[in-house]
Amino acid sequence: MLAIDALRRVGTEDEWRVIFPLLKHESASVRSAAIRFARAVLGDRAKEFLSNALTDPAPLVRENALDELDGLVTNDLRPIITSLLQDESPSVREAAQSLLDTL
């Protein structure tokens, strides 16, 4: 996970081919790092990966996806973000509210 975060700072789209499979890794920490990498390297094109992560079973991944969606939210994502205000995880609920507050 730390290696992915370090690579995020200097990574390019070439590394994305290596990181992409980690979106399905068994570890929530690794999936979260892959989400952060996608946003840093792909920019706006990461929206699909970030929106898919909103339904991840791990709260950490959902929270990271919400954080990384800042500046990318369109009307089609509002309903799912709003639904996360009822998430079981307080940190996910807080991240959803923070994101909605920026819209």
PDB file of N, CA and C in Angstrom:
ATOM      1  N   MET A   1       0.817  -1.178   0.000  1.00  0.00           N
ATOM      2  CA  MET A   1       0.000   0.000   0.000  1.00  0.00           C
ATOM      3  C   MET A   1       0.871   1.255   0.000  1.00  0.00           C
ATOM      4  N   LEU A   2       1.885   1.303   0.834  1.00  0.00           N
ATOM      5  CA  LEU A   2       2.766   2.471   0.869  1.00  0.00           C
ATOM      6  C   LEU A   2       3.472   2.661  -0.461  1.00  0.00           C
ATOM      7  N   ALA A   3       3.814   1.558  -1.106  1.00  0.00           N
ATOM      8  CA  ALA A   3       4.468   1.657  -2.414  1.00  0.00           C
ATOM      9  C   ALA A   3       3.528   2.277  -3.442  1.00  0.00           C
ATOM     10  N   ILE A   4       2.255   1.920  -3.386  1.00  0.00           N
ATOM     11  CA  ILE A   4       1.280   2.496  -4.317  1.00  0.00           C
ATOM     12  C   ILE A   4       1.141   3.986  -4.056  1.00  0.00           C
ATOM     13  N   ASP A   5       1.046   4.366  -2.793  1.00  0.00           N
ATOM     14  CA  ASP A   5       0.927   5.785  -2.463  1.00  0.00           C
ATOM     15  C   ASP A   5       2.177   6.559  -2.888  1.00  0.00           C
ATOM     16  N   ALA A   6       3.354   5.967  -2.731  1.00  0.00           N
ATOM     17  CA  ALA A   6       4.581   6.631  -3.165  1.00  0.00           C
ATOM     18  C   ALA A   6       4.603   6.767  -4.686  1.00  0.00           C
ATOM     19  N   LEU A   7       4.205   5.731  -5.373  1.00  0.00           N
ATOM     20  CA  LEU A   7       4.167   5.753  -6.834  1.00  0.00           C
ATOM     21  C   LEU A   7       3.147   6.763  -7.346  1.00  0.00           C
ATOM     22  N   ARG A   8       2.100   6.975  -6.585  1.00  0.00           N
ATOM     23  CA  ARG A   8       1.056   7.933  -6.967  1.00  0.00           C
ATOM     24  C   ARG A   8       1.646   9.323  -7.178  1.00  0.00           C
ATOM     25  N   ARG A   9       2.634   9.657  -6.407  1.00  0.00           N
ATOM     26  CA  ARG A   9       3.224  10.992  -6.490  1.00  0.00           C
ATOM     27  C   ARG A   9       4.036  11.199  -7.771  1.00  0.00           C
ATOM     28  N   VAL A  10       4.565  10.123  -8.328  1.00  0.00           N
ATOM     29  CA  VAL A  10       5.407  10.235  -9.525  1.00  0.00           C
ATOM     30  C   VAL A  10       4.928   9.347 -10.661  1.00  0.00           C
ATOM     31  N   GLY A  11       3.864   8.594 -10.418  1.00  0.00           N
ATOM     32  CA  GLY A  11       3.397   7.616 -11.390  1.00  0.00           C
ATOM     33  C   GLY A  11       2.826   8.234 -12.657  1.00  0.00           C
ATOM     34  N   THR A  12       2.754   7.388 -13.661  1.00  0.00           N
ATOM     35  CA  THR A  12       2.179   7.786 -14.943  1.00  0.00           C
ATOM     36  C   THR A  12       1.123   6.764 -15.339  1.00  0.00           C
ATOM     37  N   GLU A  13       0.500   7.010 -16.457  1.00  0.00           N
ATOM     38  CA  GLU A  13      -0.513   6.070 -16.936  1.00  0.00           C
ATOM     39  C   GLU A  13       0.082   4.703 -17.248  1.00  0.00           C
ATOM     40  N   ASP A  14       1.374   4.635 -17.515  1.00  0.00           N
ATOM     41  CA  ASP A  14       2.010   3.334 -17.749  1.00  0.00           C
ATOM     42  C   ASP A  14       1.891   2.446 -16.511  1.00  0.00           C
ATOM     43  N   GLU A  15       2.059   3.031 -15.334  1.00  0.00           N
ATOM     44  CA  GLU A  15       1.929   2.258 -14.094  1.00  0.00           C
ATOM     45  C   GLU A  15       0.484   1.864 -13.820  1.00  0.00           C
ATOM     46  N   TRP A  16      -0.465   2.592 -14.375  1.00  0.00           N
ATOM     47  CA  TRP A  16      -1.880   2.283 -14.155  1.00  0.00           C
ATOM     48  C   TRP A  16      -2.197   0.851 -14.565  1.00  0.00           C
ATOM     49  N   ARG A  17      -1.549   0.366 -15.610  1.00  0.00           N
ATOM     50  CA  ARG A  17      -1.779  -1.023 -16.047  1.00  0.00           C
ATOM     51  C   ARG A  17      -1.400  -2.017 -14.952  1.00  0.00           C
ATOM     52  N   VAL A  18      -0.425  -1.663 -14.151  1.00  0.00           N
ATOM     53  CA  VAL A  18      -0.001  -2.528 -13.045  1.00  0.00           C
ATOM     54  C   VAL A  18      -0.930  -2.351 -11.845  1.00  0.00           C
ATOM     55  N   ILE A  19      -1.372  -1.125 -11.602  1.00  0.00           N
ATOM     56  CA  ILE A  19      -2.200  -0.810 -10.436  1.00  0.00           C
ATOM     57  C   ILE A  19      -3.650  -1.236 -10.638  1.00  0.00           C
ATOM     58  N   PHE A  20      -4.153  -1.149 -11.858  1.00  0.00           N
ATOM     59  CA  PHE A  20      -5.564  -1.420 -12.143  1.00  0.00           C
ATOM     60  C   PHE A  20      -6.090  -2.715 -11.509  1.00  0.00           C
ATOM     61  N   PRO A  21      -5.398  -3.848 -11.634  1.00  0.00           N
ATOM     62  CA  PRO A  21      -5.918  -5.079 -11.016  1.00  0.00           C
ATOM     63  C   PRO A  21      -6.057  -4.995  -9.493  1.00  0.00           C
ATOM     64  N   LEU A  22      -5.349  -4.073  -8.876  1.00  0.00           N
ATOM     65  CA  LEU A  22      -5.405  -3.942  -7.422  1.00  0.00           C
ATOM     66  C   LEU A  22      -6.729  -3.355  -6.937  1.00  0.00           C
ATOM     67  N   LEU A  23      -7.549  -2.839  -7.852  1.00  0.00           N
ATOM     68  CA  LEU A  23      -8.888  -2.375  -7.477  1.00  0.00           C
ATOM     69  C   LEU A  23      -9.741  -3.533  -6.961  1.00  0.00           C
ATOM     70  N   LYS A  24      -9.346  -4.766  -7.282  1.00  0.00           N
ATOM     71  CA  LYS A  24     -10.075  -5.964  -6.845  1.00  0.00           C
ATOM     72  C   LYS A  24      -9.303  -6.755  -5.789  1.00  0.00           C
ATOM     73  N   HIS A  25      -8.250  -6.188  -5.256  1.00  0.00           N
ATOM     74  CA  HIS A  25      -7.418  -6.871  -4.257  1.00  0.00           C
ATOM     75  C   HIS A  25      -8.244  -7.199  -3.017  1.00  0.00           C
ATOM     76  N   GLU A  26      -7.869  -8.246  -2.307  1.00  0.00           N
ATOM     77  CA  GLU A  26      -8.619  -8.647  -1.106  1.00  0.00           C
ATOM     78  C   GLU A  26      -8.487  -7.643   0.039  1.00  0.00           C
ATOM     79  N   SER A  27      -7.422  -6.871   0.040  1.00  0.00           N
ATOM     80  CA  SER A  27      -7.191  -5.902   1.114  1.00  0.00           C
ATOM     81  C   SER A  27      -7.855  -4.562   0.793  1.00  0.00           C
ATOM     82  N   ALA A  28      -8.668  -4.084   1.730  1.00  0.00           N
ATOM     83  CA  ALA A  28      -9.312  -2.778   1.555  1.00  0.00           C
ATOM     84  C   ALA A  28      -8.277  -1.659   1.478  1.00  0.00           C
ATOM     85  N   SER A  29      -7.197  -1.781   2.208  1.00  0.00           N
ATOM     86  CA  SER A  29      -6.146  -0.758   2.169  1.00  0.00           C
ATOM     87  C   SER A  29      -5.504  -0.669   0.789  1.00  0.00           C
ATOM     88  N   VAL A  30      -5.290  -1.812   0.180  1.00  0.00           N
ATOM     89  CA  VAL A  30      -4.703  -1.833  -1.165  1.00  0.00           C
ATOM     90  C   VAL A  30      -5.695  -1.268  -2.180  1.00  0.00           C
ATOM     91  N   ARG A  31      -6.968  -1.661  -2.071  1.00  0.00           N
ATOM     92  CA  ARG A  31      -7.988  -1.112  -2.985  1.00  0.00           C
ATOM     93  C   ARG A  31      -8.079   0.404  -2.833  1.00  0.00           C
ATOM     94  N   SER A  32      -8.006   0.896  -1.606  1.00  0.00           N
ATOM     95  CA  SER A  32      -8.055   2.339  -1.360  1.00  0.00           C
ATOM     96  C   SER A  32      -6.858   3.049  -1.983  1.00  0.00           C
ATOM     97  N   ALA A  33      -5.690   2.468  -1.836  1.00  0.00           N
ATOM     98  CA  ALA A  33      -4.493   3.061  -2.440  1.00  0.00           C
ATOM     99  C   ALA A  33      -4.614   3.084  -3.961  1.00  0.00           C
ATOM    100  N   ALA A  34      -5.188   2.040  -4.533  1.00  0.00           N
ATOM    101  CA  ALA A  34      -5.387   2.001  -5.989  1.00  0.00           C
ATOM    102  C   ALA A  34      -6.361   3.084  -6.437  1.00  0.00           C
ATOM    103  N   ILE A  35      -7.380   3.338  -5.626  1.00  0.00           N
ATOM    104  CA  ILE A  35      -8.349   4.405  -5.923  1.00  0.00           C
ATOM    105  C   ILE A  35      -7.645   5.766  -5.909  1.00  0.00           C
ATOM    106  N   ARG A  36      -6.830   5.998  -4.910  1.00  0.00           N
ATOM    107  CA  ARG A  36      -6.106   7.273  -4.825  1.00  0.00           C
ATOM    108  C   ARG A  36      -5.142   7.434  -6.001  1.00  0.00           C
ATOM    109  N   PHE A  37      -4.500   6.335  -6.378  1.00  0.00           N
ATOM    110  CA  PHE A  37      -3.595   6.358  -7.530  1.00  0.00           C
ATOM    111  C   PHE A  37      -4.369   6.720  -8.794  1.00  0.00           C
ATOM    112  N   ALA A  38      -5.533   6.108  -8.980  1.00  0.00           N
ATOM    113  CA  ALA A  38      -6.345   6.382 -10.173  1.00  0.00           C
ATOM    114  C   ALA A  38      -6.659   7.865 -10.278  1.00  0.00           C
ATOM    115  N   ARG A  39      -7.080   8.462  -9.185  1.00  0.00           N
ATOM    116  CA  ARG A  39      -7.443   9.890  -9.213  1.00  0.00           C
ATOM    117  C   ARG A  39      -6.227  10.757  -9.514  1.00  0.00           C
ATOM    118  N   ALA A  40      -5.098  10.430  -8.897  1.00  0.00           N
ATOM    119  CA  ALA A  40      -3.887  11.239  -9.086  1.00  0.00           C
ATOM    120  C   ALA A  40      -3.349  11.149 -10.506  1.00  0.00           C
ATOM    121  N   VAL A  41      -3.404   9.970 -11.087  1.00  0.00           N
ATOM    122  CA  VAL A  41      -2.781   9.757 -12.391  1.00  0.00           C
ATOM    123  C   VAL A  41      -3.758   9.958 -13.547  1.00  0.00           C
ATOM    124  N   LEU A  42      -5.002   9.526 -13.369  1.00  0.00           N
ATOM    125  CA  LEU A  42      -5.975   9.618 -14.462  1.00  0.00           C
ATOM    126  C   LEU A  42      -6.793  10.898 -14.438  1.00  0.00           C
ATOM    127  N   GLY A  43      -6.798  11.583 -13.317  1.00  0.00           N
ATOM    128  CA  GLY A  43      -7.586  12.812 -13.221  1.00  0.00           C
ATOM    129  C   GLY A  43      -9.070  12.544 -13.402  1.00  0.00           C
ATOM    130  N   ASP A  44      -9.705  13.337 -14.244  1.00  0.00           N
ATOM    131  CA  ASP A  44     -11.150  13.216 -14.469  1.00  0.00           C
ATOM    132  C   ASP A  44     -11.554  11.844 -14.999  1.00  0.00           C
ATOM    133  N   ARG A  45     -10.636  11.183 -15.687  1.00  0.00           N
ATOM    134  CA  ARG A  45     -10.954   9.861 -16.251  1.00  0.00           C
ATOM    135  C   ARG A  45     -11.064   8.779 -15.179  1.00  0.00           C
ATOM    136  N   ALA A  46     -10.749   9.112 -13.947  1.00  0.00           N
ATOM    137  CA  ALA A  46     -10.870   8.151 -12.843  1.00  0.00           C
ATOM    138  C   ALA A  46     -12.295   8.058 -12.316  1.00  0.00           C
ATOM    139  N   LYS A  47     -13.176   8.911 -12.786  1.00  0.00           N
ATOM    140  CA  LYS A  47     -14.539   8.978 -12.241  1.00  0.00           C
ATOM    141  C   LYS A  47     -15.238   7.613 -12.233  1.00  0.00           C
ATOM    142  N   GLU A  48     -15.105   6.851 -13.294  1.00  0.00           N
ATOM    143  CA  GLU A  48     -15.760   5.539 -13.356  1.00  0.00           C
ATOM    144  C   GLU A  48     -15.271   4.619 -12.237  1.00  0.00           C
ATOM    145  N   PHE A  49     -13.980   4.582 -12.018  1.00  0.00           N
ATOM    146  CA  PHE A  49     -13.411   3.724 -10.978  1.00  0.00           C
ATOM    147  C   PHE A  49     -13.826   4.202  -9.591  1.00  0.00           C
ATOM    148  N   LEU A  50     -13.847   5.515  -9.418  1.00  0.00           N
ATOM    149  CA  LEU A  50     -14.245   6.086  -8.131  1.00  0.00           C
ATOM    150  C   LEU A  50     -15.714   5.825  -7.845  1.00  0.00           C
ATOM    151  N   SER A  51     -16.564   6.005  -8.838  1.00  0.00           N
ATOM    152  CA  SER A  51     -17.996   5.777  -8.615  1.00  0.00           C
ATOM    153  C   SER A  51     -18.278   4.300  -8.361  1.00  0.00           C
ATOM    154  N   ASN A  52     -17.558   3.405  -9.022  1.00  0.00           N
ATOM    155  CA  ASN A  52     -17.724   1.971  -8.745  1.00  0.00           C
ATOM    156  C   ASN A  52     -17.315   1.635  -7.314  1.00  0.00           C
ATOM    157  N   ALA A  53     -16.323   2.329  -6.802  1.00  0.00           N
ATOM    158  CA  ALA A  53     -15.832   2.061  -5.446  1.00  0.00           C
ATOM    159  C   ALA A  53     -16.812   2.506  -4.365  1.00  0.00           C
ATOM    160  N   LEU A  54     -17.802   3.303  -4.732  1.00  0.00           N
ATOM    161  CA  LEU A  54     -18.799   3.740  -3.745  1.00  0.00           C
ATOM    162  C   LEU A  54     -19.634   2.582  -3.214  1.00  0.00           C
ATOM    163  N   THR A  55     -19.621   1.462  -3.909  1.00  0.00           N
ATOM    164  CA  THR A  55     -20.378   0.286  -3.459  1.00  0.00           C
ATOM    165  C   THR A  55     -19.463  -0.817  -2.921  1.00  0.00           C
ATOM    166  N   ASP A  56     -18.210  -0.501  -2.713  1.00  0.00           N
ATOM    167  CA  ASP A  56     -17.269  -1.473  -2.160  1.00  0.00           C
ATOM    168  C   ASP A  56     -17.749  -1.910  -0.775  1.00  0.00           C
ATOM    169  N   PRO A  57     -17.548  -3.171  -0.404  1.00  0.00           N
ATOM    170  CA  PRO A  57     -17.983  -3.625   0.921  1.00  0.00           C
ATOM    171  C   PRO A  57     -17.219  -2.984   2.087  1.00  0.00           C
ATOM    172  N   ALA A  58     -16.037  -2.454   1.821  1.00  0.00           N
ATOM    173  CA  ALA A  58     -15.220  -1.884   2.900  1.00  0.00           C
ATOM    174  C   ALA A  58     -15.466  -0.382   3.048  1.00  0.00           C
ATOM    175  N   PRO A  59     -15.790   0.057   4.263  1.00  0.00           N
ATOM    176  CA  PRO A  59     -15.990   1.492   4.493  1.00  0.00           C
ATOM    177  C   PRO A  59     -14.785   2.345   4.093  1.00  0.00           C
ATOM    178  N   LEU A  60     -13.578   1.849   4.331  1.00  0.00           N
ATOM    179  CA  LEU A  60     -12.373   2.603   3.982  1.00  0.00           C
ATOM    180  C   LEU A  60     -12.346   2.947   2.497  1.00  0.00           C
ATOM    181  N   VAL A  61     -12.719   1.995   1.668  1.00  0.00           N
ATOM    182  CA  VAL A  61     -12.709   2.215   0.216  1.00  0.00           C
ATOM    183  C   VAL A  61     -13.800   3.206  -0.172  1.00  0.00           C
ATOM    184  N   ARG A  62     -14.991   3.052   0.404  1.00  0.00           N
ATOM    185  CA  ARG A  62     -16.082   3.991   0.095  1.00  0.00           C
ATOM    186  C   ARG A  62     -15.701   5.411   0.503  1.00  0.00           C
ATOM    187  N   GLU A  63     -15.102   5.549   1.677  1.00  0.00           N
ATOM    188  CA  GLU A  63     -14.693   6.869   2.159  1.00  0.00           C
ATOM    189  C   GLU A  63     -13.641   7.491   1.234  1.00  0.00           C
ATOM    190  N   ASN A  64     -12.645   6.701   0.847  1.00  0.00           N
ATOM    191  CA  ASN A  64     -11.613   7.211  -0.058  1.00  0.00           C
ATOM    192  C   ASN A  64     -12.194   7.601  -1.408  1.00  0.00           C
ATOM    193  N   ALA A  65     -13.122   6.812  -1.903  1.00  0.00           N
ATOM    194  CA  ALA A  65     -13.753   7.137  -3.186  1.00  0.00           C
ATOM    195  C   ALA A  65     -14.499   8.463  -3.096  1.00  0.00           C
ATOM    196  N   LEU A  66     -15.220   8.664  -2.014  1.00  0.00           N
ATOM    197  CA  LEU A  66     -15.927   9.935  -1.820  1.00  0.00           C
ATOM    198  C   LEU A  66     -14.943  11.101  -1.774  1.00  0.00           C
ATOM    199  N   ASP A  67     -13.865  10.934  -1.040  1.00  0.00           N
ATOM    200  CA  ASP A  67     -12.859  11.996  -0.942  1.00  0.00           C
ATOM    201  C   ASP A  67     -12.265  12.325  -2.313  1.00  0.00           C
ATOM    202  N   GLU A  68     -11.983  11.301  -3.088  1.00  0.00           N
ATOM    203  CA  GLU A  68     -11.342  11.498  -4.393  1.00  0.00           C
ATOM    204  C   GLU A  68     -12.314  12.003  -5.458  1.00  0.00           C
ATOM    205  N   LEU A  69     -13.604  11.888  -5.216  1.00  0.00           N
ATOM    206  CA  LEU A  69     -14.595  12.381  -6.181  1.00  0.00           C
ATOM    207  C   LEU A  69     -14.769  13.899  -6.138  1.00  0.00           C
ATOM    208  N   ASP A  70     -14.148  14.555  -5.194  1.00  0.00           N
ATOM    209  CA  ASP A  70     -14.270  16.011  -5.100  1.00  0.00           C
ATOM    210  C   ASP A  70     -13.884  16.644  -6.439  1.00  0.00           C
ATOM    211  N   GLY A  71     -14.791  17.428  -6.980  1.00  0.00           N
ATOM    212  CA  GLY A  71     -14.567  18.083  -8.259  1.00  0.00           C
ATOM    213  C   GLY A  71     -15.020  17.285  -9.465  1.00  0.00           C
ATOM    214  N   LEU A  72     -15.463  16.048  -9.255  1.00  0.00           N
ATOM    215  CA  LEU A  72     -15.883  15.189 -10.368  1.00  0.00           C
ATOM    216  C   LEU A  72     -17.368  14.845 -10.347  1.00  0.00           C
ATOM    217  N   VAL A  73     -18.083  15.270  -9.328  1.00  0.00           N
ATOM    218  CA  VAL A  73     -19.473  14.839  -9.153  1.00  0.00           C
ATOM    219  C   VAL A  73     -20.380  15.492 -10.190  1.00  0.00           C
ATOM    220  N   THR A  74     -21.181  14.644 -10.814  1.00  0.00           N
ATOM    221  CA  THR A  74     -22.219  15.093 -11.735  1.00  0.00           C
ATOM    222  C   THR A  74     -23.558  14.628 -11.177  1.00  0.00           C
ATOM    223  N   ASN A  75     -24.628  15.117 -11.762  1.00  0.00           N
ATOM    224  CA  ASN A  75     -25.967  14.808 -11.240  1.00  0.00           C
ATOM    225  C   ASN A  75     -26.251  13.316 -11.142  1.00  0.00           C
ATOM    226  N   ASP A  76     -25.670  12.516 -12.017  1.00  0.00           N
ATOM    227  CA  ASP A  76     -25.927  11.077 -11.976  1.00  0.00           C
ATOM    228  C   ASP A  76     -25.386  10.425 -10.707  1.00  0.00           C
ATOM    229  N   LEU A  77     -24.417  11.041 -10.062  1.00  0.00           N
ATOM    230  CA  LEU A  77     -23.844  10.471  -8.832  1.00  0.00           C
ATOM    231  C   LEU A  77     -24.530  10.954  -7.561  1.00  0.00           C
ATOM    232  N   ARG A  78     -25.293  12.014  -7.655  1.00  0.00           N
ATOM    233  CA  ARG A  78     -25.943  12.563  -6.450  1.00  0.00           C
ATOM    234  C   ARG A  78     -26.764  11.526  -5.676  1.00  0.00           C
ATOM    235  N   PRO A  79     -27.604  10.727  -6.349  1.00  0.00           N
ATOM    236  CA  PRO A  79     -28.415   9.766  -5.581  1.00  0.00           C
ATOM    237  C   PRO A  79     -27.582   8.765  -4.773  1.00  0.00           C
ATOM    238  N   ILE A  80     -26.526   8.245  -5.368  1.00  0.00           N
ATOM    239  CA  ILE A  80     -25.722   7.266  -4.622  1.00  0.00           C
ATOM    240  C   ILE A  80     -24.959   7.946  -3.489  1.00  0.00           C
ATOM    241  N   ILE A  81     -24.478   9.159  -3.721  1.00  0.00           N
ATOM    242  CA  ILE A  81     -23.784   9.883  -2.650  1.00  0.00           C
ATOM    243  C   ILE A  81     -24.763  10.193  -1.525  1.00  0.00           C
ATOM    244  N   THR A  82     -25.957  10.609  -1.889  1.00  0.00           N
ATOM    245  CA  THR A  82     -26.987  10.898  -0.882  1.00  0.00           C
ATOM    246  C   THR A  82     -27.335   9.642  -0.091  1.00  0.00           C
ATOM    247  N   SER A  83     -27.393   8.501  -0.762  1.00  0.00           N
ATOM    248  CA  SER A  83     -27.706   7.252  -0.055  1.00  0.00           C
ATOM    249  C   SER A  83     -26.625   6.903   0.960  1.00  0.00           C
ATOM    250  N   LEU A  84     -25.403   7.339   0.710  1.00  0.00           N
ATOM    251  CA  LEU A  84     -24.311   7.051   1.641  1.00  0.00           C
ATOM    252  C   LEU A  84     -24.394   7.876   2.921  1.00  0.00           C
ATOM    253  N   LEU A  85     -25.323   8.827   2.971  1.00  0.00           N
ATOM    254  CA  LEU A  85     -25.578   9.543   4.227  1.00  0.00           C
ATOM    255  C   LEU A  85     -26.185   8.607   5.269  1.00  0.00           C
ATOM    256  N   GLN A  86     -26.681   7.455   4.809  1.00  0.00           N
ATOM    257  CA  GLN A  86     -27.258   6.440   5.697  1.00  0.00           C
ATOM    258  C   GLN A  86     -26.320   5.248   5.885  1.00  0.00           C
ATOM    259  N   ASP A  87     -25.077   5.369   5.457  1.00  0.00           N
ATOM    260  CA  ASP A  87     -24.114   4.275   5.540  1.00  0.00           C
ATOM    261  C   ASP A  87     -23.906   3.854   6.992  1.00  0.00           C
ATOM    262  N   GLU A  88     -23.550   2.597   7.176  1.00  0.00           N
ATOM    263  CA  GLU A  88     -23.286   2.073   8.522  1.00  0.00           C
ATOM    264  C   GLU A  88     -22.052   2.714   9.157  1.00  0.00           C
ATOM    265  N   SER A  89     -21.152   3.208   8.327  1.00  0.00           N
ATOM    266  CA  SER A  89     -19.897   3.778   8.825  1.00  0.00           C
ATOM    267  C   SER A  89     -20.011   5.293   9.013  1.00  0.00           C
ATOM    268  N   PRO A  90     -19.721   5.778  10.219  1.00  0.00           N
ATOM    269  CA  PRO A  90     -19.749   7.225  10.446  1.00  0.00           C
ATOM    270  C   PRO A  90     -18.782   7.992   9.536  1.00  0.00           C
ATOM    271  N   SER A  91     -17.622   7.410   9.254  1.00  0.00           N
ATOM    272  CA  SER A  91     -16.653   8.116   8.406  1.00  0.00           C
ATOM    273  C   SER A  91     -17.149   8.231   6.967  1.00  0.00           C
ATOM    274  N   VAL A  92     -17.881   7.231   6.500  1.00  0.00           N
ATOM    275  CA  VAL A  92     -18.463   7.299   5.153  1.00  0.00           C
ATOM    276  C   VAL A  92     -19.572   8.340   5.128  1.00  0.00           C
ATOM    277  N   ARG A  93     -20.409   8.345   6.154  1.00  0.00           N
ATOM    278  CA  ARG A  93     -21.483   9.351   6.222  1.00  0.00           C
ATOM    279  C   ARG A  93     -20.903  10.763   6.221  1.00  0.00           C
ATOM    280  N   GLU A  94     -19.851  10.958   6.992  1.00  0.00           N
ATOM    281  CA  GLU A  94     -19.213  12.274   7.066  1.00  0.00           C
ATOM    282  C   GLU A  94     -18.600  12.670   5.719  1.00  0.00           C
ATOM    283  N   ALA A  95     -17.943  11.726   5.059  1.00  0.00           N
ATOM    284  CA  ALA A  95     -17.339  12.014   3.748  1.00  0.00           C
ATOM    285  C   ALA A  95     -18.415  12.330   2.713  1.00  0.00           C
ATOM    286  N   ALA A  96     -19.536  11.610   2.774  1.00  0.00           N
ATOM    287  CA  ALA A  96     -20.640  11.874   1.848  1.00  0.00           C
ATOM    288  C   ALA A  96     -21.202  13.272   2.078  1.00  0.00           C
ATOM    289  N   GLN A  97     -21.389  13.636   3.335  1.00  0.00           N
ATOM    290  CA  GLN A  97     -21.916  14.969   3.641  1.00  0.00           C
ATOM    291  C   GLN A  97     -20.940  16.057   3.198  1.00  0.00           C
ATOM    292  N   SER A  98     -19.672  15.848   3.448  1.00  0.00           N
ATOM    293  CA  SER A  98     -18.658  16.827   3.032  1.00  0.00           C
ATOM    294  C   SER A  98     -18.662  17.019   1.521  1.00  0.00           C
ATOM    295  N   LEU A  99     -18.782  15.918   0.794  1.00  0.00           N
ATOM    296  CA  LEU A  99     -18.805  16.006  -0.664  1.00  0.00           C
ATOM    297  C   LEU A  99     -20.058  16.727  -1.144  1.00  0.00           C
ATOM    298  N   LEU A 100     -21.196  16.391  -0.570  1.00  0.00           N
ATOM    299  CA  LEU A 100     -22.444  17.062  -0.953  1.00  0.00           C
ATOM    300  C   LEU A 100     -22.394  18.551  -0.627  1.00  0.00           C
ATOM    301  N   ASP A 101     -21.730  18.909   0.457  1.00  0.00           N
ATOM    302  CA  ASP A 101     -21.613  20.319   0.840  1.00  0.00           C
ATOM    303  C   ASP A 101     -20.821  21.135  -0.181  1.00  0.00           C
ATOM    304  N   THR A 102     -19.984  20.467  -0.970  1.00  0.00           N
ATOM    305  CA  THR A 102     -19.178  21.183  -1.964  1.00  0.00           C
ATOM    306  C   THR A 102     -19.925  21.408  -3.269  1.00  0.00           C
ATOM    307  N   LEU A 103     -21.081  20.775  -3.403  1.00  0.00           N
ATOM    308  CA  LEU A 103     -21.821  20.883  -4.678  1.00  0.00           C
ATOM    309  C   LEU A 103     -22.673  22.130  -4.724  1.00  0.00           C
TER     310      LEU A 103
END
